[in-house]
Amino acid sequence: MQAAWSQMSQELEQQKQLTDEIILKMTQQKYSNQWNKIFTAEKMAGVICYVALVAILANFRDLDTVLLQICGILCMLILAILPILSLKTIKAMKRVNVTTMSYKETMETYAKGKKNFVNFQKLNIGMSFVFMLLTIPVSAKLLNGEDLFETLDPKLWIATPFMFALFGLLIWVVMRCYKRVLRNSENILQEIEE
C-alpha cells in the first residue's frame, strides 16, 4: 500500500511539473506575442525611415544652401539612428524568458528593459519633434523646389498648427499602444508568481 501511495505521489509530482512547464510556455508565448506585434511595426517603420534616408541622400545635391544641407544631414542622422535604437530596446524586452529564468531574474530583466524602453520613448518623442521641424524645409525644397528659409510662404503658417495637431495625435496613439503592451506584459509576468 505504501509503495502504491509513493508511486501515485511521484506521478502527481510529475503531473504538476508538466503542468507548470506548460503554463510557463504559454505565459512566455503570450508575453512574446505582445512584443512581436510592436517589433513588426517598428521594423516596418524602420524600412520607411531608411527609404526616406535614401531619398534625401539621392537628392542631397538639391539642398543648395548651408541651412538646407544641415537640415538634410540631421534628418538623415535621425532616420539612421532612431530605428536601430528602437529595435534594440524592443529586443531587450523580448529577452525576458520565463521558461529559463527564475521569477526574480525575469522581473529584474523586465524592469531594466522597461526602464530603457520608457527612457528611449521619451527621447524618441523629442527627436521625432525635431525631425518634423527639420523635415519641413527639406521636404519643401525636395518636393517643390522651394527654399523656406528664403521665402516664408503664408500657407506654411496655416499648415503648421495642423502638423502639430497631427503629430500630437500620432504620438498619443503610439504611446497609448506602448503603455498597453507594457501593462499587459507586466500582468502576464505577475501571473507567474500566483
N, C-alpha and C. Protein backbone atom coordinates (compact mmCIF):
# COMPACT_ATOMS: atom_id res chain seq x y z
N MET A 1 0.83 -1.19 0.00
CA MET A 1 0.00 0.00 0.00
C MET A 1 0.87 1.25 0.00
N GLN A 2 1.93 1.25 0.80
CA GLN A 2 2.84 2.39 0.88
C GLN A 2 3.53 2.62 -0.45
N ALA A 3 3.89 1.56 -1.16
CA ALA A 3 4.53 1.66 -2.48
C ALA A 3 3.57 2.29 -3.48
N ALA A 4 2.29 1.91 -3.40
CA ALA A 4 1.28 2.47 -4.31
C ALA A 4 1.13 3.97 -4.06
N TRP A 5 1.09 4.34 -2.77
CA TRP A 5 0.97 5.77 -2.43
C TRP A 5 2.21 6.54 -2.89
N SER A 6 3.35 5.94 -2.74
CA SER A 6 4.60 6.59 -3.17
C SER A 6 4.62 6.78 -4.68
N GLN A 7 4.16 5.75 -5.40
CA GLN A 7 4.11 5.84 -6.87
C GLN A 7 3.11 6.91 -7.30
N MET A 8 1.95 6.94 -6.67
CA MET A 8 0.94 7.95 -7.00
C MET A 8 1.47 9.35 -6.69
N SER A 9 2.21 9.47 -5.60
CA SER A 9 2.78 10.76 -5.22
C SER A 9 3.79 11.23 -6.26
N GLN A 10 4.62 10.30 -6.74
CA GLN A 10 5.59 10.64 -7.79
C GLN A 10 4.88 11.03 -9.08
N GLU A 11 3.84 10.30 -9.44
CA GLU A 11 3.08 10.60 -10.66
C GLU A 11 2.41 11.97 -10.55
N LEU A 12 1.87 12.25 -9.38
CA LEU A 12 1.24 13.57 -9.17
C LEU A 12 2.28 14.68 -9.26
N GLU A 13 3.47 14.45 -8.70
CA GLU A 13 4.55 15.43 -8.76
C GLU A 13 4.98 15.67 -10.20
N GLN A 14 5.10 14.57 -10.98
CA GLN A 14 5.46 14.69 -12.39
C GLN A 14 4.37 15.45 -13.16
N GLN A 15 3.13 15.14 -12.84
CA GLN A 15 2.00 15.82 -13.49
C GLN A 15 2.03 17.31 -13.16
N LYS A 16 2.32 17.65 -11.90
CA LYS A 16 2.39 19.05 -11.50
C LYS A 16 3.54 19.76 -12.23
N GLN A 17 4.69 19.08 -12.33
CA GLN A 17 5.83 19.66 -13.03
C GLN A 17 5.50 19.92 -14.50
N LEU A 18 4.85 18.93 -15.12
CA LEU A 18 4.46 19.07 -16.53
C LEU A 18 3.47 20.22 -16.71
N THR A 19 2.51 20.32 -15.80
CA THR A 19 1.54 21.41 -15.85
C THR A 19 2.23 22.76 -15.69
N ASP A 20 3.17 22.84 -14.75
CA ASP A 20 3.91 24.09 -14.54
C ASP A 20 4.70 24.48 -15.79
N GLU A 21 5.33 23.49 -16.42
CA GLU A 21 6.09 23.76 -17.65
C GLU A 21 5.18 24.27 -18.76
N ILE A 22 4.02 23.65 -18.89
CA ILE A 22 3.06 24.08 -19.93
C ILE A 22 2.59 25.51 -19.65
N ILE A 23 2.31 25.80 -18.38
CA ILE A 23 1.87 27.15 -18.02
C ILE A 23 2.96 28.17 -18.32
N LEU A 24 4.22 27.82 -17.99
CA LEU A 24 5.32 28.74 -18.27
C LEU A 24 5.49 28.96 -19.78
N LYS A 25 5.36 27.91 -20.56
CA LYS A 25 5.49 28.06 -22.02
C LYS A 25 4.35 28.92 -22.58
N MET A 26 3.15 28.71 -22.06
CA MET A 26 2.02 29.53 -22.53
C MET A 26 2.21 30.99 -22.11
N THR A 27 2.71 31.20 -20.91
CA THR A 27 2.98 32.56 -20.44
C THR A 27 4.03 33.22 -21.31
N GLN A 28 5.11 32.47 -21.62
CA GLN A 28 6.16 33.00 -22.48
C GLN A 28 5.60 33.36 -23.85
N GLN A 29 4.73 32.52 -24.38
CA GLN A 29 4.14 32.78 -25.70
C GLN A 29 3.28 34.04 -25.67
N LYS A 30 2.47 34.19 -24.62
CA LYS A 30 1.64 35.40 -24.50
C LYS A 30 2.51 36.64 -24.40
N TYR A 31 3.56 36.55 -23.60
CA TYR A 31 4.48 37.68 -23.43
C TYR A 31 5.15 38.02 -24.76
N SER A 32 5.67 37.01 -25.43
CA SER A 32 6.35 37.23 -26.71
C SER A 32 5.42 37.83 -27.76
N ASN A 33 4.18 37.37 -27.79
CA ASN A 33 3.22 37.90 -28.76
C ASN A 33 3.00 39.39 -28.58
N GLN A 34 3.00 39.85 -27.32
CA GLN A 34 2.83 41.28 -27.05
C GLN A 34 3.93 42.09 -27.74
N TRP A 35 5.16 41.63 -27.58
CA TRP A 35 6.31 42.38 -28.11
C TRP A 35 6.55 42.13 -29.59
N ASN A 36 6.12 40.98 -30.10
CA ASN A 36 6.30 40.71 -31.54
C ASN A 36 5.47 41.67 -32.39
N LYS A 37 4.30 42.04 -31.91
CA LYS A 37 3.46 42.99 -32.65
C LYS A 37 4.19 44.33 -32.80
N ILE A 38 4.73 44.82 -31.70
CA ILE A 38 5.43 46.10 -31.74
C ILE A 38 6.71 45.98 -32.56
N PHE A 39 7.42 44.87 -32.41
CA PHE A 39 8.67 44.66 -33.14
C PHE A 39 8.41 44.68 -34.65
N THR A 40 7.34 44.02 -35.07
CA THR A 40 6.99 44.01 -36.50
C THR A 40 6.66 45.42 -36.99
N ALA A 41 5.86 46.15 -36.23
CA ALA A 41 5.51 47.53 -36.61
C ALA A 41 6.74 48.40 -36.68
N GLU A 42 7.64 48.26 -35.71
CA GLU A 42 8.87 49.07 -35.70
C GLU A 42 9.80 48.70 -36.86
N LYS A 43 9.83 47.42 -37.23
CA LYS A 43 10.64 47.02 -38.38
C LYS A 43 10.11 47.68 -39.66
N MET A 44 8.79 47.69 -39.81
CA MET A 44 8.21 48.33 -41.00
C MET A 44 8.49 49.84 -40.98
N ALA A 45 8.38 50.45 -39.82
CA ALA A 45 8.69 51.88 -39.70
C ALA A 45 10.17 52.13 -40.00
N GLY A 46 11.03 51.22 -39.57
CA GLY A 46 12.45 51.33 -39.87
C GLY A 46 12.73 51.28 -41.37
N VAL A 47 12.03 50.41 -42.06
CA VAL A 47 12.19 50.33 -43.53
C VAL A 47 11.79 51.65 -44.16
N ILE A 48 10.68 52.22 -43.70
CA ILE A 48 10.22 53.51 -44.23
C ILE A 48 11.27 54.59 -43.95
N CYS A 49 11.84 54.56 -42.75
CA CYS A 49 12.88 55.54 -42.40
C CYS A 49 14.07 55.43 -43.34
N TYR A 50 14.50 54.21 -43.61
CA TYR A 50 15.67 54.04 -44.48
C TYR A 50 15.36 54.38 -45.94
N VAL A 51 14.13 54.17 -46.37
CA VAL A 51 13.74 54.60 -47.71
C VAL A 51 13.79 56.13 -47.79
N ALA A 52 13.28 56.80 -46.75
CA ALA A 52 13.33 58.26 -46.71
C ALA A 52 14.78 58.75 -46.66
N LEU A 53 15.62 58.06 -45.91
CA LEU A 53 17.03 58.43 -45.82
C LEU A 53 17.69 58.34 -47.21
N VAL A 54 17.42 57.25 -47.92
CA VAL A 54 17.98 57.08 -49.27
C VAL A 54 17.45 58.16 -50.20
N ALA A 55 16.17 58.52 -50.07
CA ALA A 55 15.59 59.56 -50.92
C ALA A 55 16.27 60.91 -50.67
N ILE A 56 16.50 61.24 -49.41
CA ILE A 56 17.18 62.50 -49.09
C ILE A 56 18.61 62.46 -49.61
N LEU A 57 19.29 61.34 -49.40
CA LEU A 57 20.67 61.20 -49.84
C LEU A 57 20.78 61.29 -51.36
N ALA A 58 19.85 60.66 -52.07
CA ALA A 58 19.87 60.69 -53.53
C ALA A 58 19.64 62.08 -54.09
N ASN A 59 18.91 62.91 -53.36
CA ASN A 59 18.59 64.26 -53.82
C ASN A 59 19.32 65.33 -53.01
N PHE A 60 20.35 64.94 -52.30
CA PHE A 60 21.06 65.87 -51.43
C PHE A 60 21.62 67.06 -52.19
N ARG A 61 21.99 66.86 -53.45
CA ARG A 61 22.57 67.96 -54.24
C ARG A 61 21.56 69.10 -54.45
N ASP A 62 20.26 68.78 -54.33
CA ASP A 62 19.23 69.81 -54.48
C ASP A 62 19.15 70.73 -53.26
N LEU A 63 19.71 70.29 -52.16
CA LEU A 63 19.74 71.12 -50.96
C LEU A 63 20.94 72.07 -51.11
N ASP A 64 20.68 73.19 -51.73
CA ASP A 64 21.76 74.05 -52.22
C ASP A 64 22.23 75.15 -51.27
N THR A 65 21.66 75.22 -50.08
CA THR A 65 22.17 76.21 -49.11
C THR A 65 22.70 75.47 -47.89
N VAL A 66 23.51 76.15 -47.13
CA VAL A 66 24.10 75.52 -45.95
C VAL A 66 23.03 75.10 -44.95
N LEU A 67 22.03 75.95 -44.73
CA LEU A 67 20.95 75.61 -43.78
C LEU A 67 20.18 74.37 -44.22
N LEU A 68 19.87 74.30 -45.51
CA LEU A 68 19.17 73.12 -46.02
C LEU A 68 20.03 71.87 -45.91
N GLN A 69 21.32 72.01 -46.16
CA GLN A 69 22.23 70.86 -46.05
C GLN A 69 22.33 70.39 -44.60
N ILE A 70 22.39 71.33 -43.67
CA ILE A 70 22.43 70.96 -42.25
C ILE A 70 21.15 70.24 -41.86
N CYS A 71 20.01 70.77 -42.29
CA CYS A 71 18.72 70.12 -42.01
C CYS A 71 18.69 68.72 -42.63
N GLY A 72 19.18 68.59 -43.85
CA GLY A 72 19.20 67.30 -44.52
C GLY A 72 20.08 66.29 -43.81
N ILE A 73 21.26 66.71 -43.38
CA ILE A 73 22.17 65.82 -42.66
C ILE A 73 21.57 65.38 -41.33
N LEU A 74 20.99 66.33 -40.61
CA LEU A 74 20.36 65.99 -39.33
C LEU A 74 19.18 65.04 -39.53
N CYS A 75 18.40 65.27 -40.57
CA CYS A 75 17.29 64.35 -40.88
C CYS A 75 17.82 62.95 -41.14
N MET A 76 18.88 62.86 -41.94
CA MET A 76 19.44 61.54 -42.26
C MET A 76 20.00 60.85 -41.02
N LEU A 77 20.63 61.62 -40.13
CA LEU A 77 21.14 61.02 -38.89
C LEU A 77 20.01 60.46 -38.03
N ILE A 78 18.96 61.24 -37.90
CA ILE A 78 17.81 60.78 -37.11
C ILE A 78 17.19 59.54 -37.75
N LEU A 79 17.03 59.57 -39.08
CA LEU A 79 16.45 58.43 -39.79
C LEU A 79 17.32 57.18 -39.69
N ALA A 80 18.62 57.36 -39.56
CA ALA A 80 19.53 56.22 -39.47
C ALA A 80 19.60 55.64 -38.06
N ILE A 81 19.58 56.50 -37.05
CA ILE A 81 19.85 56.06 -35.68
C ILE A 81 18.60 55.61 -34.92
N LEU A 82 17.51 56.36 -35.01
CA LEU A 82 16.33 56.04 -34.20
C LEU A 82 15.76 54.64 -34.44
N PRO A 83 15.64 54.18 -35.70
CA PRO A 83 15.10 52.82 -35.88
C PRO A 83 15.97 51.74 -35.23
N ILE A 84 17.28 51.91 -35.29
CA ILE A 84 18.18 50.92 -34.68
C ILE A 84 18.00 50.90 -33.17
N LEU A 85 17.96 52.08 -32.57
CA LEU A 85 17.78 52.16 -31.11
C LEU A 85 16.42 51.61 -30.68
N SER A 86 15.41 51.90 -31.48
CA SER A 86 14.07 51.42 -31.16
C SER A 86 14.02 49.89 -31.17
N LEU A 87 14.56 49.29 -32.22
CA LEU A 87 14.56 47.83 -32.31
C LEU A 87 15.40 47.21 -31.19
N LYS A 88 16.47 47.89 -30.82
CA LYS A 88 17.34 47.39 -29.75
C LYS A 88 16.59 47.36 -28.41
N THR A 89 15.83 48.41 -28.11
CA THR A 89 15.10 48.43 -26.84
C THR A 89 13.98 47.39 -26.83
N ILE A 90 13.36 47.17 -27.98
CA ILE A 90 12.30 46.16 -28.04
C ILE A 90 12.90 44.76 -27.92
N LYS A 91 14.06 44.54 -28.55
CA LYS A 91 14.72 43.23 -28.41
C LYS A 91 15.07 42.96 -26.96
N ALA A 92 15.46 43.99 -26.23
CA ALA A 92 15.77 43.81 -24.81
C ALA A 92 14.52 43.37 -24.05
N MET A 93 13.38 43.90 -24.42
CA MET A 93 12.13 43.49 -23.77
C MET A 93 11.77 42.05 -24.16
N LYS A 94 12.10 41.66 -25.37
CA LYS A 94 11.81 40.30 -25.83
C LYS A 94 12.74 39.27 -25.19
N ARG A 95 13.87 39.70 -24.61
CA ARG A 95 14.82 38.78 -23.98
C ARG A 95 14.28 38.17 -22.69
N VAL A 96 13.24 38.74 -22.15
CA VAL A 96 12.66 38.17 -20.93
C VAL A 96 12.15 36.78 -21.28
N ASN A 97 12.64 35.77 -20.55
CA ASN A 97 12.26 34.39 -20.84
C ASN A 97 11.89 33.70 -19.54
N VAL A 98 10.60 33.51 -19.34
CA VAL A 98 10.12 32.92 -18.08
C VAL A 98 10.42 31.44 -17.98
N THR A 99 10.71 30.78 -19.12
CA THR A 99 10.97 29.34 -19.07
C THR A 99 12.40 29.03 -18.64
N THR A 100 13.32 29.97 -18.81
CA THR A 100 14.72 29.70 -18.46
C THR A 100 15.21 30.52 -17.28
N MET A 101 14.49 31.57 -16.90
CA MET A 101 14.92 32.44 -15.81
C MET A 101 14.07 32.18 -14.58
N SER A 102 14.66 32.46 -13.42
CA SER A 102 13.87 32.41 -12.20
C SER A 102 12.92 33.62 -12.22
N TYR A 103 11.95 33.59 -11.31
CA TYR A 103 11.00 34.70 -11.26
C TYR A 103 11.72 36.01 -10.97
N LYS A 104 12.68 35.95 -10.04
CA LYS A 104 13.44 37.15 -9.69
C LYS A 104 14.21 37.68 -10.89
N GLU A 105 14.92 36.78 -11.61
CA GLU A 105 15.67 37.19 -12.80
C GLU A 105 14.74 37.76 -13.87
N THR A 106 13.60 37.12 -14.02
CA THR A 106 12.62 37.58 -15.01
C THR A 106 12.19 39.00 -14.71
N MET A 107 11.82 39.26 -13.46
CA MET A 107 11.33 40.58 -13.09
C MET A 107 12.44 41.64 -13.14
N GLU A 108 13.68 41.25 -12.79
CA GLU A 108 14.80 42.19 -12.88
C GLU A 108 15.09 42.53 -14.34
N THR A 109 15.10 41.52 -15.21
CA THR A 109 15.35 41.76 -16.64
C THR A 109 14.24 42.61 -17.22
N TYR A 110 13.00 42.32 -16.83
CA TYR A 110 11.86 43.09 -17.32
C TYR A 110 11.96 44.55 -16.84
N ALA A 111 12.26 44.74 -15.57
CA ALA A 111 12.33 46.11 -15.01
C ALA A 111 13.42 46.92 -15.71
N LYS A 112 14.57 46.31 -15.93
CA LYS A 112 15.67 47.01 -16.60
C LYS A 112 15.28 47.34 -18.05
N GLY A 113 14.70 46.37 -18.74
CA GLY A 113 14.26 46.60 -20.12
C GLY A 113 13.18 47.66 -20.21
N LYS A 114 12.25 47.62 -19.26
CA LYS A 114 11.15 48.60 -19.24
C LYS A 114 11.70 50.00 -19.04
N LYS A 115 12.65 50.15 -18.12
CA LYS A 115 13.23 51.46 -17.85
C LYS A 115 13.90 52.01 -19.12
N ASN A 116 14.69 51.17 -19.78
CA ASN A 116 15.35 51.60 -21.01
C ASN A 116 14.35 51.90 -22.11
N PHE A 117 13.31 51.08 -22.21
CA PHE A 117 12.28 51.28 -23.23
C PHE A 117 11.56 52.62 -23.02
N VAL A 118 11.15 52.88 -21.78
CA VAL A 118 10.43 54.12 -21.47
C VAL A 118 11.33 55.34 -21.70
N ASN A 119 12.58 55.25 -21.27
CA ASN A 119 13.52 56.36 -21.49
C ASN A 119 13.74 56.60 -22.98
N PHE A 120 13.87 55.53 -23.75
CA PHE A 120 14.05 55.70 -25.18
C PHE A 120 12.82 56.34 -25.81
N GLN A 121 11.64 55.95 -25.37
CA GLN A 121 10.43 56.53 -25.95
C GLN A 121 10.34 58.03 -25.68
N LYS A 122 10.81 58.45 -24.52
CA LYS A 122 10.85 59.90 -24.23
C LYS A 122 11.82 60.60 -25.18
N LEU A 123 13.00 60.00 -25.37
CA LEU A 123 13.97 60.54 -26.33
C LEU A 123 13.39 60.53 -27.74
N ASN A 124 12.71 59.47 -28.07
CA ASN A 124 12.12 59.32 -29.40
C ASN A 124 11.09 60.41 -29.69
N ILE A 125 10.29 60.73 -28.70
CA ILE A 125 9.29 61.79 -28.89
C ILE A 125 9.98 63.12 -29.19
N GLY A 126 10.99 63.44 -28.39
CA GLY A 126 11.72 64.70 -28.61
C GLY A 126 12.41 64.73 -29.97
N MET A 127 13.07 63.64 -30.32
CA MET A 127 13.77 63.59 -31.60
C MET A 127 12.79 63.59 -32.77
N SER A 128 11.63 62.97 -32.60
CA SER A 128 10.62 62.98 -33.66
C SER A 128 10.10 64.40 -33.89
N PHE A 129 9.95 65.15 -32.82
CA PHE A 129 9.52 66.54 -32.94
C PHE A 129 10.58 67.35 -33.69
N VAL A 130 11.84 67.17 -33.32
CA VAL A 130 12.94 67.85 -34.02
C VAL A 130 12.96 67.43 -35.48
N PHE A 131 12.79 66.14 -35.71
CA PHE A 131 12.78 65.62 -37.08
C PHE A 131 11.67 66.27 -37.90
N MET A 132 10.48 66.40 -37.29
CA MET A 132 9.37 67.02 -38.00
C MET A 132 9.72 68.45 -38.41
N LEU A 133 10.33 69.19 -37.49
CA LEU A 133 10.71 70.57 -37.81
C LEU A 133 11.78 70.63 -38.90
N LEU A 134 12.73 69.69 -38.87
CA LEU A 134 13.78 69.65 -39.88
C LEU A 134 13.26 69.21 -41.24
N THR A 135 12.26 68.37 -41.22
CA THR A 135 11.71 67.81 -42.45
C THR A 135 10.96 68.86 -43.26
N ILE A 136 10.39 69.83 -42.61
CA ILE A 136 9.58 70.84 -43.32
C ILE A 136 10.40 71.54 -44.40
N PRO A 137 11.53 72.15 -44.09
CA PRO A 137 12.28 72.83 -45.15
C PRO A 137 12.90 71.86 -46.16
N VAL A 138 13.34 70.68 -45.68
CA VAL A 138 13.93 69.70 -46.58
C VAL A 138 12.88 69.20 -47.58
N SER A 139 11.70 68.86 -47.08
CA SER A 139 10.62 68.38 -47.96
C SER A 139 10.18 69.45 -48.93
N ALA A 140 10.06 70.69 -48.45
CA ALA A 140 9.64 71.79 -49.34
C ALA A 140 10.63 71.95 -50.48
N LYS A 141 11.90 71.84 -50.19
CA LYS A 141 12.92 72.01 -51.24
C LYS A 141 12.93 70.82 -52.19
N LEU A 142 12.89 69.60 -51.64
CA LEU A 142 12.99 68.41 -52.48
C LEU A 142 11.71 68.14 -53.28
N LEU A 143 10.57 68.47 -52.73
CA LEU A 143 9.31 68.18 -53.41
C LEU A 143 8.80 69.34 -54.27
N ASN A 144 9.05 70.59 -53.81
CA ASN A 144 8.52 71.75 -54.53
C ASN A 144 9.60 72.68 -55.08
N GLY A 145 10.84 72.40 -54.73
CA GLY A 145 11.93 73.28 -55.16
C GLY A 145 11.90 74.62 -54.46
N GLU A 146 11.24 74.69 -53.31
CA GLU A 146 11.06 75.95 -52.59
C GLU A 146 11.97 76.00 -51.37
N ASP A 147 12.71 77.08 -51.23
CA ASP A 147 13.56 77.25 -50.05
C ASP A 147 12.80 78.08 -49.02
N LEU A 148 12.32 77.41 -47.99
CA LEU A 148 11.50 78.09 -46.97
C LEU A 148 12.31 79.09 -46.14
N PHE A 149 13.63 78.94 -46.15
CA PHE A 149 14.45 79.89 -45.41
C PHE A 149 14.53 81.24 -46.14
N GLU A 150 14.30 81.23 -47.45
CA GLU A 150 14.32 82.47 -48.24
C GLU A 150 12.93 83.07 -48.38
N THR A 151 11.94 82.22 -48.63
CA THR A 151 10.58 82.71 -48.82
C THR A 151 9.66 82.07 -47.79
N LEU A 152 9.22 82.83 -46.85
CA LEU A 152 8.29 82.31 -45.86
C LEU A 152 6.88 82.42 -46.41
N ASP A 153 6.40 81.32 -46.90
CA ASP A 153 5.07 81.25 -47.51
C ASP A 153 4.00 81.31 -46.42
N PRO A 154 2.97 82.16 -46.58
CA PRO A 154 1.90 82.24 -45.57
C PRO A 154 1.17 80.92 -45.39
N LYS A 155 1.16 80.08 -46.45
CA LYS A 155 0.50 78.77 -46.32
C LYS A 155 1.17 77.92 -45.24
N LEU A 156 2.45 78.14 -45.05
CA LEU A 156 3.19 77.39 -44.03
C LEU A 156 2.64 77.71 -42.64
N TRP A 157 2.31 78.96 -42.39
CA TRP A 157 1.78 79.34 -41.08
C TRP A 157 0.40 78.73 -40.85
N ILE A 158 -0.33 78.49 -41.92
CA ILE A 158 -1.64 77.86 -41.79
C ILE A 158 -1.48 76.36 -41.57
N ALA A 159 -0.53 75.74 -42.28
CA ALA A 159 -0.34 74.29 -42.19
C ALA A 159 0.32 73.85 -40.89
N THR A 160 1.14 74.71 -40.30
CA THR A 160 1.91 74.34 -39.12
C THR A 160 1.05 73.86 -37.94
N PRO A 161 -0.02 74.57 -37.56
CA PRO A 161 -0.84 74.07 -36.45
C PRO A 161 -1.45 72.69 -36.73
N PHE A 162 -1.82 72.45 -37.99
CA PHE A 162 -2.38 71.14 -38.34
C PHE A 162 -1.31 70.05 -38.22
N MET A 163 -0.09 70.38 -38.60
CA MET A 163 1.01 69.42 -38.48
C MET A 163 1.27 69.10 -37.01
N PHE A 164 1.27 70.13 -36.16
CA PHE A 164 1.48 69.90 -34.74
C PHE A 164 0.35 69.05 -34.15
N ALA A 165 -0.86 69.31 -34.55
CA ALA A 165 -2.01 68.53 -34.07
C ALA A 165 -1.90 67.08 -34.53
N LEU A 166 -1.55 66.87 -35.78
CA LEU A 166 -1.39 65.52 -36.30
C LEU A 166 -0.25 64.79 -35.59
N PHE A 167 0.85 65.50 -35.38
CA PHE A 167 2.00 64.93 -34.68
C PHE A 167 1.59 64.53 -33.26
N GLY A 168 0.90 65.42 -32.56
CA GLY A 168 0.45 65.13 -31.20
C GLY A 168 -0.48 63.93 -31.15
N LEU A 169 -1.40 63.84 -32.10
CA LEU A 169 -2.32 62.71 -32.17
C LEU A 169 -1.58 61.40 -32.42
N LEU A 170 -0.63 61.44 -33.33
CA LEU A 170 0.16 60.26 -33.64
C LEU A 170 0.96 59.79 -32.42
N ILE A 171 1.61 60.72 -31.73
CA ILE A 171 2.37 60.38 -30.52
C ILE A 171 1.45 59.82 -29.45
N TRP A 172 0.28 60.41 -29.29
CA TRP A 172 -0.68 59.93 -28.29
C TRP A 172 -1.10 58.50 -28.58
N VAL A 173 -1.40 58.19 -29.84
CA VAL A 173 -1.84 56.84 -30.22
C VAL A 173 -0.71 55.83 -29.98
N VAL A 174 0.49 56.17 -30.43
CA VAL A 174 1.62 55.24 -30.28
C VAL A 174 1.94 55.02 -28.79
N MET A 175 1.99 56.07 -28.01
CA MET A 175 2.31 55.93 -26.59
C MET A 175 1.23 55.15 -25.86
N ARG A 176 0.01 55.34 -26.25
CA ARG A 176 -1.09 54.59 -25.65
C ARG A 176 -0.93 53.09 -25.93
N CYS A 177 -0.56 52.77 -27.15
CA CYS A 177 -0.32 51.39 -27.54
C CYS A 177 0.84 50.81 -26.74
N TYR A 178 1.94 51.55 -26.64
CA TYR A 178 3.10 51.07 -25.90
C TYR A 178 2.78 50.88 -24.42
N LYS A 179 2.03 51.80 -23.84
CA LYS A 179 1.66 51.67 -22.43
C LYS A 179 0.79 50.43 -22.20
N ARG A 180 -0.11 50.17 -23.15
CA ARG A 180 -0.97 48.99 -23.05
C ARG A 180 -0.13 47.71 -23.09
N VAL A 181 0.85 47.67 -24.00
CA VAL A 181 1.72 46.49 -24.10
C VAL A 181 2.54 46.33 -22.83
N LEU A 182 3.07 47.42 -22.29
CA LEU A 182 3.82 47.34 -21.03
C LEU A 182 2.94 46.83 -19.89
N ARG A 183 1.73 47.36 -19.81
CA ARG A 183 0.79 46.94 -18.76
C ARG A 183 0.44 45.46 -18.91
N ASN A 184 0.12 45.03 -20.14
CA ASN A 184 -0.22 43.63 -20.39
C ASN A 184 0.96 42.72 -20.09
N SER A 185 2.15 43.13 -20.48
CA SER A 185 3.35 42.33 -20.24
C SER A 185 3.59 42.15 -18.75
N GLU A 186 3.44 43.23 -18.02
CA GLU A 186 3.65 43.17 -16.58
C GLU A 186 2.61 42.27 -15.92
N ASN A 187 1.36 42.36 -16.36
CA ASN A 187 0.31 41.49 -15.82
C ASN A 187 0.60 40.02 -16.12
N ILE A 188 1.08 39.76 -17.34
CA ILE A 188 1.41 38.38 -17.71
C ILE A 188 2.51 37.84 -16.80
N LEU A 189 3.53 38.65 -16.57
CA LEU A 189 4.64 38.19 -15.74
C LEU A 189 4.23 38.04 -14.27
N GLN A 190 3.33 38.87 -13.80
CA GLN A 190 2.91 38.78 -12.41
C GLN A 190 2.03 37.55 -12.18
N GLU A 191 1.41 37.03 -13.24
CA GLU A 191 0.60 35.82 -13.10
C GLU A 191 1.48 34.63 -12.73
N ILE A 192 2.74 34.66 -13.08
CA ILE A 192 3.66 33.56 -12.77
C ILE A 192 3.78 33.39 -11.26
N GLU A 193 3.85 34.50 -10.55
CA GLU A 193 4.04 34.46 -9.10
C GLU A 193 2.84 33.81 -8.41
N GLU A 194 1.67 34.00 -8.98
CA GLU A 194 0.44 33.47 -8.35
C GLU A 194 0.30 32.02 -8.60
